[in-house]
Amino acid sequence: MSAAMPPMQMPPQSLTAGMPDPSTIGKQKDAYMKMLDEQVKQGTQVLEAQVKHQKEYLLGQADQQKKQFIMQIDMEVKQQEMALDQQRMEQLMALQQQAAQQKAALEQQAMQLSMEYQQKKAEEEMQKQQFEMEKKQQEMQMKMQEEMSKFQGAGQLFTTPALGTAMPGAGATYTYGPNGELVPK
């Protein structure tokens, strides 16, 4: 009889077969950590460079816009200055024209007043001369009348046989001398 042999037992399977041991795990972990740190470092550098570049670009754009804005403002200021200069020139010309017109009117008025004065002065001089002449003539007439009344009052008559009776001065012609006296012609 054969007796059945019990089957032989197999050793237990290794549960850790194919698994890394803690030392390997530690090495792999350290390697991955180092790689991650390096990636973070590189990523940070790339980000920093990008941000720096973007900021520089932004600042460049801002500077360009500032320059354009300043140029635009400068141009507007120049245009306004030119408009003010033009306005000043026009107002100055109008002011000078008004002054010239007023000066011309003043000259005309002064000339007219001077002419009127000269005319009145000449009339005044003529009136004075006329008055003086009339006064001298009146004085001469009064003197002549006095002389004649003296002769008439004295009764002196000249008699000439050929002419008959004559009064002194009768029939004689007189004129005025340089000093206004009567002088026989």
N, C-alpha and C. Protein backbone atom coordinates (compact mmCIF):
# COMPACT_ATOMS: atom_id res chain seq x y z
N MET A 1 0.80 -1.12 0.00
CA MET A 1 0.00 0.00 0.00
C MET A 1 0.82 1.15 0.00
N SER A 2 0.38 1.85 -0.77
CA SER A 2 1.21 3.03 -0.82
C SER A 2 0.48 4.08 -0.06
N ALA A 3 1.22 4.57 0.61
CA ALA A 3 0.58 5.63 1.39
C ALA A 3 0.86 6.92 0.70
N ALA A 4 -0.07 7.74 0.71
CA ALA A 4 0.06 9.02 0.00
C ALA A 4 0.86 9.97 0.85
N MET A 5 1.67 10.53 0.15
CA MET A 5 2.54 11.46 0.87
C MET A 5 1.88 12.81 0.81
N PRO A 6 1.99 13.39 1.90
CA PRO A 6 1.39 14.73 1.86
C PRO A 6 2.22 15.62 0.95
N PRO A 7 1.56 16.53 0.30
CA PRO A 7 2.32 17.38 -0.61
C PRO A 7 3.31 18.22 0.19
N MET A 8 4.36 18.59 -0.50
CA MET A 8 5.41 19.35 0.18
C MET A 8 4.99 20.79 0.20
N GLN A 9 5.30 21.32 1.25
CA GLN A 9 4.90 22.71 1.39
C GLN A 9 5.92 23.60 0.72
N MET A 10 5.42 24.66 0.11
CA MET A 10 6.29 25.62 -0.60
C MET A 10 6.60 26.75 0.36
N PRO A 11 7.81 27.25 0.21
CA PRO A 11 8.11 28.38 1.11
C PRO A 11 7.23 29.57 0.74
N PRO A 12 6.96 30.39 1.69
CA PRO A 12 6.08 31.54 1.39
C PRO A 12 6.73 32.47 0.37
N GLN A 13 5.88 33.04 -0.41
CA GLN A 13 6.39 33.97 -1.43
C GLN A 13 6.85 35.25 -0.75
N SER A 14 7.86 35.83 -1.34
CA SER A 14 8.39 37.08 -0.77
C SER A 14 7.44 38.23 -1.12
N LEU A 15 6.99 38.90 -0.10
CA LEU A 15 6.07 40.03 -0.31
C LEU A 15 6.82 41.29 -0.74
N THR A 16 8.06 41.35 -0.56
CA THR A 16 8.84 42.54 -0.87
C THR A 16 9.61 42.40 -2.17
N ALA A 17 9.38 41.22 -2.83
CA ALA A 17 10.11 41.01 -4.07
C ALA A 17 9.69 42.06 -5.08
N GLY A 18 10.64 42.62 -5.75
CA GLY A 18 10.36 43.63 -6.78
C GLY A 18 10.14 45.01 -6.20
N MET A 19 10.10 45.11 -4.90
CA MET A 19 9.93 46.43 -4.27
C MET A 19 11.30 46.97 -3.91
N PRO A 20 11.45 48.29 -4.05
CA PRO A 20 12.74 48.85 -3.64
C PRO A 20 12.82 48.84 -2.12
N ASP A 21 14.01 48.69 -1.69
CA ASP A 21 14.19 48.69 -0.24
C ASP A 21 14.25 50.13 0.27
N PRO A 22 14.13 50.32 1.57
CA PRO A 22 14.12 51.68 2.11
C PRO A 22 15.34 52.50 1.72
N SER A 23 16.46 51.90 1.57
CA SER A 23 17.66 52.66 1.19
C SER A 23 17.51 53.20 -0.23
N THR A 24 17.00 52.35 -1.12
CA THR A 24 16.78 52.77 -2.51
C THR A 24 15.69 53.83 -2.56
N ILE A 25 14.63 53.59 -1.75
CA ILE A 25 13.54 54.58 -1.70
C ILE A 25 14.09 55.93 -1.26
N GLY A 26 14.93 55.93 -0.27
CA GLY A 26 15.52 57.18 0.21
C GLY A 26 16.33 57.86 -0.87
N LYS A 27 17.12 57.03 -1.61
CA LYS A 27 17.95 57.61 -2.68
C LYS A 27 17.07 58.20 -3.79
N GLN A 28 16.01 57.39 -4.16
CA GLN A 28 15.10 57.89 -5.22
C GLN A 28 14.39 59.16 -4.77
N LYS A 29 13.95 59.13 -3.49
CA LYS A 29 13.25 60.32 -2.97
C LYS A 29 14.19 61.54 -3.03
N ASP A 30 15.42 61.36 -2.60
CA ASP A 30 16.38 62.48 -2.61
C ASP A 30 16.62 62.97 -4.04
N ALA A 31 16.71 62.00 -4.98
CA ALA A 31 16.95 62.39 -6.38
C ALA A 31 15.76 63.17 -6.93
N TYR A 32 14.53 62.66 -6.65
CA TYR A 32 13.33 63.38 -7.11
C TYR A 32 13.23 64.76 -6.47
N MET A 33 13.53 64.83 -5.18
CA MET A 33 13.48 66.12 -4.47
C MET A 33 14.45 67.11 -5.11
N LYS A 34 15.63 66.59 -5.40
CA LYS A 34 16.64 67.45 -6.00
C LYS A 34 16.17 67.92 -7.37
N MET A 35 15.58 66.96 -8.14
CA MET A 35 15.08 67.30 -9.47
C MET A 35 13.94 68.32 -9.38
N LEU A 36 13.02 68.11 -8.42
CA LEU A 36 11.91 69.06 -8.24
C LEU A 36 12.43 70.43 -7.83
N ASP A 37 13.41 70.43 -6.92
CA ASP A 37 14.00 71.71 -6.51
C ASP A 37 14.63 72.43 -7.70
N GLU A 38 15.30 71.64 -8.54
CA GLU A 38 15.94 72.22 -9.73
C GLU A 38 14.89 72.77 -10.70
N GLN A 39 13.78 71.99 -10.88
CA GLN A 39 12.70 72.46 -11.76
C GLN A 39 12.07 73.74 -11.21
N VAL A 40 11.85 73.77 -9.89
CA VAL A 40 11.27 74.98 -9.27
C VAL A 40 12.22 76.15 -9.46
N LYS A 41 13.51 75.89 -9.28
CA LYS A 41 14.50 76.96 -9.44
C LYS A 41 14.51 77.49 -10.87
N GLN A 42 14.52 76.53 -11.84
CA GLN A 42 14.51 76.94 -13.25
C GLN A 42 13.21 77.65 -13.60
N GLY A 43 12.09 77.10 -13.12
CA GLY A 43 10.79 77.72 -13.38
C GLY A 43 10.72 79.13 -12.80
N THR A 44 11.27 79.27 -11.59
CA THR A 44 11.30 80.60 -10.96
C THR A 44 12.14 81.56 -11.78
N GLN A 45 13.29 81.08 -12.26
CA GLN A 45 14.16 81.93 -13.08
C GLN A 45 13.45 82.35 -14.37
N VAL A 46 12.77 81.37 -14.99
CA VAL A 46 12.03 81.67 -16.23
C VAL A 46 10.93 82.70 -15.95
N LEU A 47 10.18 82.46 -14.86
CA LEU A 47 9.12 83.41 -14.50
C LEU A 47 9.68 84.80 -14.21
N GLU A 48 10.78 84.83 -13.45
CA GLU A 48 11.41 86.12 -13.13
C GLU A 48 11.83 86.84 -14.41
N ALA A 49 12.43 86.07 -15.33
CA ALA A 49 12.89 86.66 -16.59
C ALA A 49 11.70 87.16 -17.40
N GLN A 50 10.61 86.35 -17.44
CA GLN A 50 9.42 86.77 -18.17
C GLN A 50 8.84 88.05 -17.58
N VAL A 51 8.70 88.06 -16.25
CA VAL A 51 8.12 89.23 -15.58
C VAL A 51 9.01 90.45 -15.81
N LYS A 52 10.34 90.23 -15.70
CA LYS A 52 11.27 91.34 -15.92
C LYS A 52 11.12 91.88 -17.33
N HIS A 53 11.07 90.96 -18.31
CA HIS A 53 10.92 91.36 -19.71
C HIS A 53 9.58 92.10 -19.92
N GLN A 54 8.50 91.55 -19.33
CA GLN A 54 7.19 92.19 -19.48
C GLN A 54 7.17 93.58 -18.84
N LYS A 55 7.82 93.69 -17.66
CA LYS A 55 7.88 95.00 -17.01
C LYS A 55 8.66 96.00 -17.85
N GLU A 56 9.81 95.53 -18.39
CA GLU A 56 10.61 96.41 -19.25
C GLU A 56 9.81 96.85 -20.47
N TYR A 57 9.10 95.89 -21.06
CA TYR A 57 8.26 96.21 -22.21
C TYR A 57 7.19 97.23 -21.82
N LEU A 58 6.55 96.98 -20.67
CA LEU A 58 5.50 97.87 -20.18
C LEU A 58 6.05 99.28 -19.93
N LEU A 59 7.23 99.33 -19.28
CA LEU A 59 7.85 100.63 -19.01
C LEU A 59 8.25 101.33 -20.32
N GLY A 60 8.75 100.53 -21.27
CA GLY A 60 9.10 101.10 -22.58
C GLY A 60 7.87 101.68 -23.27
N GLN A 61 6.78 100.91 -23.25
CA GLN A 61 5.53 101.40 -23.84
C GLN A 61 5.06 102.67 -23.13
N ALA A 62 5.14 102.65 -21.80
CA ALA A 62 4.71 103.81 -21.02
C ALA A 62 5.57 105.03 -21.36
N ASP A 63 6.89 104.82 -21.46
CA ASP A 63 7.78 105.93 -21.83
C ASP A 63 7.43 106.47 -23.21
N GLN A 64 7.18 105.56 -24.14
CA GLN A 64 6.82 105.97 -25.50
C GLN A 64 5.52 106.79 -25.48
N GLN A 65 4.53 106.29 -24.74
CA GLN A 65 3.25 107.01 -24.65
C GLN A 65 3.43 108.37 -23.98
N LYS A 66 4.29 108.39 -22.93
CA LYS A 66 4.56 109.67 -22.25
C LYS A 66 5.18 110.66 -23.23
N LYS A 67 6.16 110.18 -24.00
CA LYS A 67 6.82 111.05 -24.97
C LYS A 67 5.82 111.57 -25.99
N GLN A 68 4.98 110.68 -26.50
CA GLN A 68 3.96 111.10 -27.47
C GLN A 68 3.00 112.10 -26.85
N PHE A 69 2.59 111.83 -25.61
CA PHE A 69 1.66 112.71 -24.91
C PHE A 69 2.30 114.09 -24.69
N ILE A 70 3.57 114.07 -24.26
CA ILE A 70 4.29 115.34 -24.04
C ILE A 70 4.44 116.09 -25.35
N MET A 71 4.78 115.36 -26.43
CA MET A 71 4.90 116.00 -27.74
C MET A 71 3.57 116.61 -28.16
N GLN A 72 2.48 115.89 -27.93
CA GLN A 72 1.15 116.39 -28.29
C GLN A 72 0.82 117.64 -27.48
N ILE A 73 1.11 117.59 -26.17
CA ILE A 73 0.84 118.76 -25.32
C ILE A 73 1.71 119.93 -25.76
N ASP A 74 3.00 119.66 -26.03
CA ASP A 74 3.90 120.72 -26.50
C ASP A 74 3.38 121.34 -27.79
N MET A 75 2.89 120.49 -28.70
CA MET A 75 2.38 120.99 -29.97
C MET A 75 1.13 121.85 -29.74
N GLU A 76 0.25 121.40 -28.85
CA GLU A 76 -0.95 122.18 -28.54
C GLU A 76 -0.58 123.52 -27.91
N VAL A 77 0.41 123.49 -27.01
CA VAL A 77 0.86 124.73 -26.36
C VAL A 77 1.43 125.68 -27.41
N LYS A 78 2.25 125.14 -28.34
CA LYS A 78 2.83 125.98 -29.40
C LYS A 78 1.72 126.60 -30.25
N GLN A 79 0.71 125.80 -30.59
CA GLN A 79 -0.40 126.32 -31.39
C GLN A 79 -1.13 127.42 -30.64
N GLN A 80 -1.35 127.21 -29.34
CA GLN A 80 -2.03 128.23 -28.54
C GLN A 80 -1.17 129.49 -28.42
N GLU A 81 0.15 129.30 -28.28
CA GLU A 81 1.05 130.45 -28.22
C GLU A 81 1.00 131.22 -29.54
N MET A 82 1.01 130.49 -30.66
CA MET A 82 0.94 131.15 -31.96
C MET A 82 -0.37 131.91 -32.11
N ALA A 83 -1.47 131.32 -31.65
CA ALA A 83 -2.77 131.99 -31.72
C ALA A 83 -2.76 133.25 -30.86
N LEU A 84 -2.15 133.16 -29.68
CA LEU A 84 -2.06 134.34 -28.81
C LEU A 84 -1.19 135.42 -29.44
N ASP A 85 -0.07 135.01 -30.05
CA ASP A 85 0.80 135.99 -30.73
C ASP A 85 0.05 136.65 -31.88
N GLN A 86 -0.69 135.86 -32.65
CA GLN A 86 -1.48 136.41 -33.76
C GLN A 86 -2.51 137.41 -33.24
N GLN A 87 -3.20 137.01 -32.17
CA GLN A 87 -4.22 137.88 -31.57
C GLN A 87 -3.58 139.18 -31.06
N ARG A 88 -2.39 139.05 -30.44
CA ARG A 88 -1.69 140.23 -29.93
C ARG A 88 -1.31 141.16 -31.08
N MET A 89 -0.82 140.58 -32.18
CA MET A 89 -0.44 141.39 -33.34
C MET A 89 -1.64 142.14 -33.90
N GLU A 90 -2.77 141.43 -34.02
CA GLU A 90 -3.98 142.07 -34.56
C GLU A 90 -4.45 143.19 -33.64
N GLN A 91 -4.44 142.93 -32.33
CA GLN A 91 -4.88 143.95 -31.38
C GLN A 91 -3.91 145.13 -31.36
N LEU A 92 -2.60 144.84 -31.49
CA LEU A 92 -1.60 145.90 -31.51
C LEU A 92 -1.77 146.77 -32.75
N MET A 93 -2.03 146.11 -33.90
CA MET A 93 -2.24 146.87 -35.14
C MET A 93 -3.48 147.75 -35.02
N ALA A 94 -4.55 147.20 -34.45
CA ALA A 94 -5.78 147.98 -34.28
C ALA A 94 -5.53 149.15 -33.33
N LEU A 95 -4.78 148.91 -32.28
CA LEU A 95 -4.46 149.96 -31.31
C LEU A 95 -3.63 151.06 -31.97
N GLN A 96 -2.62 150.66 -32.74
CA GLN A 96 -1.79 151.65 -33.43
C GLN A 96 -2.59 152.41 -34.48
N GLN A 97 -3.50 151.72 -35.16
CA GLN A 97 -4.33 152.39 -36.16
C GLN A 97 -5.24 153.42 -35.49
N GLN A 98 -5.85 153.04 -34.36
CA GLN A 98 -6.70 153.99 -33.64
C GLN A 98 -5.90 155.19 -33.17
N ALA A 99 -4.70 154.92 -32.64
CA ALA A 99 -3.85 156.01 -32.16
C ALA A 99 -3.47 156.94 -33.31
N ALA A 100 -3.14 156.35 -34.48
CA ALA A 100 -2.78 157.17 -35.64
C ALA A 100 -3.97 158.02 -36.09
N GLN A 101 -5.17 157.43 -36.09
CA GLN A 101 -6.36 158.20 -36.48
C GLN A 101 -6.61 159.33 -35.49
N GLN A 102 -6.48 159.03 -34.20
CA GLN A 102 -6.71 160.07 -33.19
C GLN A 102 -5.65 161.16 -33.28
N LYS A 103 -4.39 160.77 -33.56
CA LYS A 103 -3.33 161.77 -33.72
C LYS A 103 -3.61 162.66 -34.93
N ALA A 104 -4.04 162.02 -36.03
CA ALA A 104 -4.34 162.80 -37.24
C ALA A 104 -5.49 163.77 -36.97
N ALA A 105 -6.52 163.29 -36.26
CA ALA A 105 -7.65 164.17 -35.92
C ALA A 105 -7.19 165.30 -35.01
N LEU A 106 -6.30 164.99 -34.08
CA LEU A 106 -5.78 166.00 -33.16
C LEU A 106 -4.95 167.03 -33.92
N GLU A 107 -4.11 166.55 -34.85
CA GLU A 107 -3.32 167.47 -35.68
C GLU A 107 -4.23 168.38 -36.49
N GLN A 108 -5.27 167.79 -37.08
CA GLN A 108 -6.22 168.57 -37.89
C GLN A 108 -6.89 169.63 -37.02
N GLN A 109 -7.33 169.22 -35.83
CA GLN A 109 -8.02 170.15 -34.93
C GLN A 109 -7.06 171.26 -34.49
N ALA A 110 -5.82 170.90 -34.15
CA ALA A 110 -4.84 171.90 -33.73
C ALA A 110 -4.53 172.87 -34.86
N MET A 111 -4.41 172.34 -36.09
CA MET A 111 -4.13 173.21 -37.23
C MET A 111 -5.30 174.15 -37.48
N GLN A 112 -6.51 173.61 -37.38
CA GLN A 112 -7.70 174.44 -37.59
C GLN A 112 -7.80 175.53 -36.53
N LEU A 113 -7.55 175.16 -35.26
CA LEU A 113 -7.59 176.16 -34.18
C LEU A 113 -6.50 177.21 -34.37
N SER A 114 -5.30 176.78 -34.80
CA SER A 114 -4.21 177.73 -35.05
C SER A 114 -4.58 178.69 -36.18
N MET A 115 -5.19 178.13 -37.24
CA MET A 115 -5.61 179.00 -38.36
C MET A 115 -6.68 179.99 -37.91
N GLU A 116 -7.64 179.50 -37.12
CA GLU A 116 -8.68 180.40 -36.60
C GLU A 116 -8.06 181.49 -35.74
N TYR A 117 -7.09 181.11 -34.90
CA TYR A 117 -6.43 182.09 -34.04
C TYR A 117 -5.71 183.13 -34.90
N GLN A 118 -4.94 182.65 -35.90
CA GLN A 118 -4.21 183.58 -36.76
C GLN A 118 -5.17 184.53 -37.49
N GLN A 119 -6.30 183.98 -37.95
CA GLN A 119 -7.29 184.81 -38.64
C GLN A 119 -7.86 185.86 -37.70
N LYS A 120 -8.23 185.42 -36.48
CA LYS A 120 -8.78 186.37 -35.49
C LYS A 120 -7.73 187.40 -35.10
N LYS A 121 -6.47 186.95 -34.97
CA LYS A 121 -5.38 187.86 -34.61
C LYS A 121 -5.21 188.91 -35.71
N ALA A 122 -5.25 188.46 -36.97
CA ALA A 122 -5.12 189.40 -38.10
C ALA A 122 -6.30 190.38 -38.10
N GLU A 123 -7.52 189.86 -37.86
CA GLU A 123 -8.70 190.74 -37.79
C GLU A 123 -8.54 191.75 -36.66
N GLU A 124 -8.04 191.25 -35.53
CA GLU A 124 -7.84 192.12 -34.37
C GLU A 124 -6.84 193.23 -34.70
N GLU A 125 -5.74 192.85 -35.36
CA GLU A 125 -4.73 193.85 -35.75
C GLU A 125 -5.32 194.86 -36.72
N MET A 126 -6.11 194.37 -37.68
CA MET A 126 -6.74 195.29 -38.64
C MET A 126 -7.69 196.23 -37.93
N GLN A 127 -8.46 195.69 -36.98
CA GLN A 127 -9.40 196.54 -36.23
C GLN A 127 -8.64 197.59 -35.41
N LYS A 128 -7.50 197.18 -34.81
CA LYS A 128 -6.70 198.14 -34.05
C LYS A 128 -6.18 199.24 -34.97
N GLN A 129 -5.64 198.81 -36.13
CA GLN A 129 -5.12 199.80 -37.08
C GLN A 129 -6.24 200.72 -37.56
N GLN A 130 -7.40 200.13 -37.86
CA GLN A 130 -8.56 200.92 -38.30
C GLN A 130 -8.95 201.92 -37.22
N PHE A 131 -8.98 201.41 -35.96
CA PHE A 131 -9.34 202.27 -34.84
C PHE A 131 -8.34 203.42 -34.71
N GLU A 132 -7.05 203.07 -34.77
CA GLU A 132 -6.01 204.11 -34.65
C GLU A 132 -6.12 205.12 -35.78
N MET A 133 -6.36 204.65 -37.00
CA MET A 133 -6.49 205.57 -38.14
C MET A 133 -7.70 206.47 -37.96
N GLU A 134 -8.83 205.86 -37.56
CA GLU A 134 -10.05 206.66 -37.37
C GLU A 134 -9.85 207.66 -36.23
N LYS A 135 -9.15 207.21 -35.18
CA LYS A 135 -8.90 208.09 -34.04
C LYS A 135 -8.04 209.28 -34.47
N LYS A 136 -6.96 209.00 -35.23
CA LYS A 136 -6.08 210.08 -35.71
C LYS A 136 -6.84 211.00 -36.64
N GLN A 137 -7.66 210.39 -37.51
CA GLN A 137 -8.44 211.20 -38.45
C GLN A 137 -9.41 212.10 -37.68
N GLN A 138 -10.05 211.54 -36.66
CA GLN A 138 -10.98 212.33 -35.85
C GLN A 138 -10.24 213.45 -35.12
N GLU A 139 -9.05 213.10 -34.57
CA GLU A 139 -8.26 214.13 -33.89
C GLU A 139 -7.86 215.23 -34.86
N MET A 140 -7.48 214.85 -36.07
CA MET A 140 -7.09 215.84 -37.08
C MET A 140 -8.27 216.73 -37.46
N GLN A 141 -9.44 216.06 -37.62
CA GLN A 141 -10.62 216.86 -37.97
C GLN A 141 -10.93 217.85 -36.86
N MET A 142 -10.85 217.37 -35.60
CA MET A 142 -11.12 218.27 -34.48
C MET A 142 -10.11 219.40 -34.45
N LYS A 143 -8.85 219.07 -34.74
CA LYS A 143 -7.79 220.09 -34.76
C LYS A 143 -8.05 221.10 -35.86
N MET A 144 -8.46 220.57 -37.03
CA MET A 144 -8.77 221.46 -38.16
C MET A 144 -9.95 222.36 -37.83
N GLN A 145 -10.97 221.75 -37.20
CA GLN A 145 -12.14 222.56 -36.85
C GLN A 145 -11.76 223.64 -35.84
N GLU A 146 -10.88 223.27 -34.90
CA GLU A 146 -10.43 224.28 -33.94
C GLU A 146 -9.70 225.40 -34.65
N GLU A 147 -8.81 225.00 -35.57
CA GLU A 147 -8.04 226.01 -36.32
C GLU A 147 -8.99 226.89 -37.13
N MET A 148 -9.96 226.25 -37.77
CA MET A 148 -10.89 227.02 -38.60
C MET A 148 -11.75 227.93 -37.75
N SER A 149 -12.17 227.40 -36.59
CA SER A 149 -13.00 228.26 -35.74
C SER A 149 -12.18 229.42 -35.19
N LYS A 150 -10.86 229.22 -35.01
CA LYS A 150 -10.01 230.33 -34.57
C LYS A 150 -9.98 231.41 -35.64
N PHE A 151 -9.78 230.92 -36.88
CA PHE A 151 -9.73 231.89 -37.97
C PHE A 151 -11.08 232.58 -38.14
N GLN A 152 -12.15 231.83 -38.07
CA GLN A 152 -13.48 232.42 -38.24
C GLN A 152 -13.80 233.34 -37.07
N GLY A 153 -13.42 232.89 -35.89
CA GLY A 153 -13.70 233.70 -34.71
C GLY A 153 -12.94 235.01 -34.74
N ALA A 154 -11.76 235.02 -35.28
CA ALA A 154 -10.96 236.24 -35.33
C ALA A 154 -11.43 237.13 -36.45
N GLY A 155 -12.14 236.57 -37.37
CA GLY A 155 -12.68 237.35 -38.48
C GLY A 155 -11.64 237.73 -39.49
N GLN A 156 -10.61 237.02 -39.55
CA GLN A 156 -9.56 237.35 -40.50
C GLN A 156 -9.90 236.73 -41.84
N LEU A 157 -10.07 237.58 -42.77
CA LEU A 157 -10.34 237.12 -44.12
C LEU A 157 -9.27 237.68 -45.03
N PHE A 158 -8.84 236.87 -45.89
CA PHE A 158 -7.85 237.35 -46.85
C PHE A 158 -8.60 237.82 -48.09
N THR A 159 -8.23 238.96 -48.56
CA THR A 159 -8.84 239.44 -49.79
C THR A 159 -7.76 239.62 -50.81
N THR A 160 -8.01 239.11 -51.93
CA THR A 160 -7.09 239.32 -53.04
C THR A 160 -7.91 239.91 -54.16
N PRO A 161 -7.35 240.87 -54.84
CA PRO A 161 -8.14 241.53 -55.87
C PRO A 161 -8.61 240.58 -56.96
N ALA A 162 -7.82 239.65 -57.33
CA ALA A 162 -8.24 238.81 -58.45
C ALA A 162 -9.17 237.70 -57.99
N LEU A 163 -8.92 237.11 -56.81
CA LEU A 163 -9.70 235.96 -56.38
C LEU A 163 -10.86 236.36 -55.49
N GLY A 164 -10.83 237.44 -54.92
CA GLY A 164 -11.89 237.87 -54.01
C GLY A 164 -11.55 237.39 -52.61
N THR A 165 -12.55 237.13 -51.81
CA THR A 165 -12.34 236.75 -50.42
C THR A 165 -12.13 235.23 -50.34
N ALA A 166 -11.12 234.86 -49.55
CA ALA A 166 -10.85 233.41 -49.39
C ALA A 166 -10.49 233.13 -47.95
N MET A 167 -10.87 231.97 -47.50
CA MET A 167 -10.52 231.57 -46.14
C MET A 167 -9.27 230.70 -46.23
N PRO A 168 -8.47 230.78 -45.18
CA PRO A 168 -7.28 229.93 -45.23
C PRO A 168 -7.69 228.46 -45.28
N GLY A 169 -7.06 227.74 -46.12
CA GLY A 169 -7.34 226.31 -46.24
C GLY A 169 -8.48 226.02 -47.17
N ALA A 170 -9.27 227.03 -47.55
CA ALA A 170 -10.40 226.75 -48.44
C ALA A 170 -9.87 226.47 -49.82
N GLY A 171 -10.29 225.40 -50.42
CA GLY A 171 -9.89 225.05 -51.76
C GLY A 171 -8.56 224.31 -51.80
N ALA A 172 -7.82 224.29 -50.70
CA ALA A 172 -6.54 223.59 -50.68
C ALA A 172 -6.79 222.09 -50.47
N THR A 173 -5.92 221.27 -51.00
CA THR A 173 -6.05 219.82 -50.86
C THR A 173 -4.96 219.35 -49.91
N TYR A 174 -5.40 218.49 -48.96
CA TYR A 174 -4.46 217.97 -47.96
C TYR A 174 -4.41 216.44 -48.04
N THR A 175 -3.30 215.91 -47.52
CA THR A 175 -3.13 214.45 -47.40
C THR A 175 -2.48 214.16 -46.05
N TYR A 176 -2.52 212.88 -45.64
CA TYR A 176 -1.90 212.52 -44.36
C TYR A 176 -0.41 212.27 -44.55
N GLY A 177 0.37 212.77 -43.60
CA GLY A 177 1.81 212.56 -43.62
C GLY A 177 2.17 211.25 -42.93
N PRO A 178 3.48 210.98 -42.81
CA PRO A 178 3.91 209.71 -42.24
C PRO A 178 3.53 209.56 -40.77
N ASN A 179 3.36 210.67 -40.06
CA ASN A 179 2.99 210.61 -38.65
C ASN A 179 1.51 210.88 -38.43
N GLY A 180 0.74 210.89 -39.47
CA GLY A 180 -0.70 211.11 -39.34
C GLY A 180 -1.09 212.58 -39.38
N GLU A 181 -0.13 213.49 -39.63
CA GLU A 181 -0.47 214.92 -39.69
C GLU A 181 -0.95 215.30 -41.08
N LEU A 182 -1.73 216.36 -41.17
CA LEU A 182 -2.22 216.84 -42.47
C LEU A 182 -1.13 217.67 -43.13
N VAL A 183 -0.89 217.35 -44.37
CA VAL A 183 0.15 218.05 -45.13
C VAL A 183 -0.49 218.50 -46.44
N PRO A 184 -0.29 219.78 -46.87
CA PRO A 184 -0.86 220.20 -48.16
C PRO A 184 -0.22 219.40 -49.29
N LYS A 185 -1.04 219.14 -50.32
CA LYS A 185 -0.56 218.38 -51.48
C LYS A 185 0.28 219.25 -52.37
